[in-house]
Amino acid sequence: MPARKDAIEQFKSQGVDLSNIVTESQADQPHAVVNAVLNLEKLLENEEALECLMDELKVIEDECKIDLPRRILAEKNGAFNKFFSV
């Protein structure tokens, strides 16, 4: 991920405000928020998966409590629209 780190540093050195962007993540894995939203979408298609649904909602809730960039990431991946469709 050196290219990613380099890009982040370049943006920061240019004065770009990255405060609403999640800049840390696992190497080749989507962020926990993105995974939970994708799993939520799948679970919404299966009425028998209520327990798993609650687990994914808890992950999204916990992540969104951490900071604004995580809430924005959840929103950009459709979490709020999916919540209202439940």
C-alpha atoms as a PDB file:
ATOM      1  CA  MET A   1       0.000   0.000   0.000  1.00  0.00           C
ATOM      2  CA  PRO A   2       2.904   2.429  -0.404  1.00  0.00           C
ATOM      3  CA  ALA A   3       1.159   4.142  -3.331  1.00  0.00           C
ATOM      4  CA  ARG A   4      -1.933   4.738  -1.203  1.00  0.00           C
ATOM      5  CA  LYS A   5       0.095   6.170   1.671  1.00  0.00           C
ATOM      6  CA  ASP A   6       2.006   8.340  -0.775  1.00  0.00           C
ATOM      7  CA  ALA A   7      -1.225   9.660  -2.291  1.00  0.00           C
ATOM      8  CA  ILE A   8      -2.611  10.481   1.161  1.00  0.00           C
ATOM      9  CA  GLU A   9       0.580  12.313   2.102  1.00  0.00           C
ATOM     10  CA  GLN A  10       0.502  14.263  -1.180  1.00  0.00           C
ATOM     11  CA  PHE A  11      -3.095  15.322  -0.579  1.00  0.00           C
ATOM     12  CA  LYS A  12      -2.252  16.397   2.967  1.00  0.00           C
ATOM     13  CA  SER A  13       0.803  18.358   1.797  1.00  0.00           C
ATOM     14  CA  GLN A  14      -1.441  20.159  -0.713  1.00  0.00           C
ATOM     15  CA  GLY A  15      -3.829  21.129   2.074  1.00  0.00           C
ATOM     16  CA  VAL A  16      -6.639  18.786   1.035  1.00  0.00           C
ATOM     17  CA  ASP A  17      -9.054  18.180   3.909  1.00  0.00           C
ATOM     18  CA  LEU A  18      -9.263  14.409   4.382  1.00  0.00           C
ATOM     19  CA  SER A  19     -11.152  14.564   7.679  1.00  0.00           C
ATOM     20  CA  ASN A  20     -14.314  13.059   6.134  1.00  0.00           C
ATOM     21  CA  ILE A  21     -12.486  10.208   4.417  1.00  0.00           C
ATOM     22  CA  VAL A  22     -11.494   6.887   5.981  1.00  0.00           C
ATOM     23  CA  THR A  23      -7.783   6.750   5.195  1.00  0.00           C
ATOM     24  CA  GLU A  24      -6.836   3.582   7.071  1.00  0.00           C
ATOM     25  CA  SER A  25      -7.823   0.055   6.058  1.00  0.00           C
ATOM     26  CA  GLN A  26      -6.550  -3.496   5.756  1.00  0.00           C
ATOM     27  CA  ALA A  27      -4.335  -4.185   2.754  1.00  0.00           C
ATOM     28  CA  ASP A  28      -6.573  -5.922   0.225  1.00  0.00           C
ATOM     29  CA  GLN A  29      -9.789  -6.041   2.233  1.00  0.00           C
ATOM     30  CA  PRO A  30     -12.788  -3.752   2.177  1.00  0.00           C
ATOM     31  CA  HIS A  31     -13.366  -1.718   5.329  1.00  0.00           C
ATOM     32  CA  ALA A  32     -15.554  -3.267   8.065  1.00  0.00           C
ATOM     33  CA  VAL A  33     -18.315  -0.760   7.247  1.00  0.00           C
ATOM     34  CA  VAL A  34     -18.350  -1.765   3.573  1.00  0.00           C
ATOM     35  CA  ASN A  35     -18.406  -5.489   4.435  1.00  0.00           C
ATOM     36  CA  ALA A  36     -21.251  -5.032   6.914  1.00  0.00           C
ATOM     37  CA  VAL A  37     -23.340  -3.041   4.407  1.00  0.00           C
ATOM     38  CA  LEU A  38     -22.795  -5.675   1.707  1.00  0.00           C
ATOM     39  CA  ASN A  39     -23.694  -8.455   4.144  1.00  0.00           C
ATOM     40  CA  LEU A  40     -26.749  -6.492   5.272  1.00  0.00           C
ATOM     41  CA  GLU A  41     -27.969  -6.325   1.689  1.00  0.00           C
ATOM     42  CA  LYS A  42     -27.665 -10.102   1.336  1.00  0.00           C
ATOM     43  CA  LEU A  43     -29.372 -10.727   4.678  1.00  0.00           C
ATOM     44  CA  LEU A  44     -32.310  -8.518   3.771  1.00  0.00           C
ATOM     45  CA  GLU A  45     -33.120 -11.010   1.027  1.00  0.00           C
ATOM     46  CA  ASN A  46     -33.481 -13.853   3.584  1.00  0.00           C
ATOM     47  CA  GLU A  47     -36.168 -13.556   6.260  1.00  0.00           C
ATOM     48  CA  GLU A  48     -34.643 -16.422   8.264  1.00  0.00           C
ATOM     49  CA  ALA A  49     -31.386 -14.561   8.793  1.00  0.00           C
ATOM     50  CA  LEU A  50     -32.589 -12.153  11.500  1.00  0.00           C
ATOM     51  CA  GLU A  51     -29.825 -13.057  13.965  1.00  0.00           C
ATOM     52  CA  CYS A  52     -27.130 -12.464  11.351  1.00  0.00           C
ATOM     53  CA  LEU A  53     -28.882  -9.252  10.354  1.00  0.00           C
ATOM     54  CA  MET A  54     -28.678  -7.981  13.923  1.00  0.00           C
ATOM     55  CA  ASP A  55     -24.955  -8.847  14.034  1.00  0.00           C
ATOM     56  CA  GLU A  56     -24.281  -6.808  10.887  1.00  0.00           C
ATOM     57  CA  LEU A  57     -26.341  -3.887  12.172  1.00  0.00           C
ATOM     58  CA  LYS A  58     -24.269  -3.963  15.373  1.00  0.00           C
ATOM     59  CA  VAL A  59     -21.019  -3.795  13.364  1.00  0.00           C
ATOM     60  CA  ILE A  60     -22.303  -0.807  11.406  1.00  0.00           C
ATOM     61  CA  GLU A  61     -23.526   0.885  14.590  1.00  0.00           C
ATOM     62  CA  ASP A  62     -20.203   0.346  16.384  1.00  0.00           C
ATOM     63  CA  GLU A  63     -18.170   1.557  13.398  1.00  0.00           C
ATOM     64  CA  CYS A  64     -20.366   4.623  12.904  1.00  0.00           C
ATOM     65  CA  LYS A  65     -19.901   5.595  16.552  1.00  0.00           C
ATOM     66  CA  ILE A  66     -16.140   5.873  15.999  1.00  0.00           C
ATOM     67  CA  ASP A  67     -16.113   8.935  13.747  1.00  0.00           C
ATOM     68  CA  LEU A  68     -17.720  10.894  10.919  1.00  0.00           C
ATOM     69  CA  PRO A  69     -15.660   9.339   8.086  1.00  0.00           C
ATOM     70  CA  ARG A  70     -17.034   5.912   8.986  1.00  0.00           C
ATOM     71  CA  ARG A  71     -20.592   7.265   8.949  1.00  0.00           C
ATOM     72  CA  ILE A  72     -19.950   8.792   5.534  1.00  0.00           C
ATOM     73  CA  LEU A  73     -18.457   5.491   4.312  1.00  0.00           C
ATOM     74  CA  ALA A  74     -21.562   3.634   5.517  1.00  0.00           C
ATOM     75  CA  GLU A  75     -23.823   6.136   3.768  1.00  0.00           C
ATOM     76  CA  LYS A  76     -21.855   5.973   0.513  1.00  0.00           C
ATOM     77  CA  ASN A  77     -22.310   2.210   0.550  1.00  0.00           C
ATOM     78  CA  GLY A  78     -26.069   2.449   0.995  1.00  0.00           C
ATOM     79  CA  ALA A  79     -26.383   1.608   4.697  1.00  0.00           C
ATOM     80  CA  PHE A  80     -29.035   4.202   5.481  1.00  0.00           C
ATOM     81  CA  ASN A  81     -31.223   3.321   2.505  1.00  0.00           C
ATOM     82  CA  LYS A  82     -31.006  -0.331   3.541  1.00  0.00           C
ATOM     83  CA  PHE A  83     -31.937   0.545   7.158  1.00  0.00           C
ATOM     84  CA  PHE A  84     -35.096   2.268   5.989  1.00  0.00           C
ATOM     85  CA  SER A  85     -36.035  -0.672   3.804  1.00  0.00           C
ATOM     86  CA  VAL A  86     -35.970  -3.090   6.776  1.00  0.00           C
END
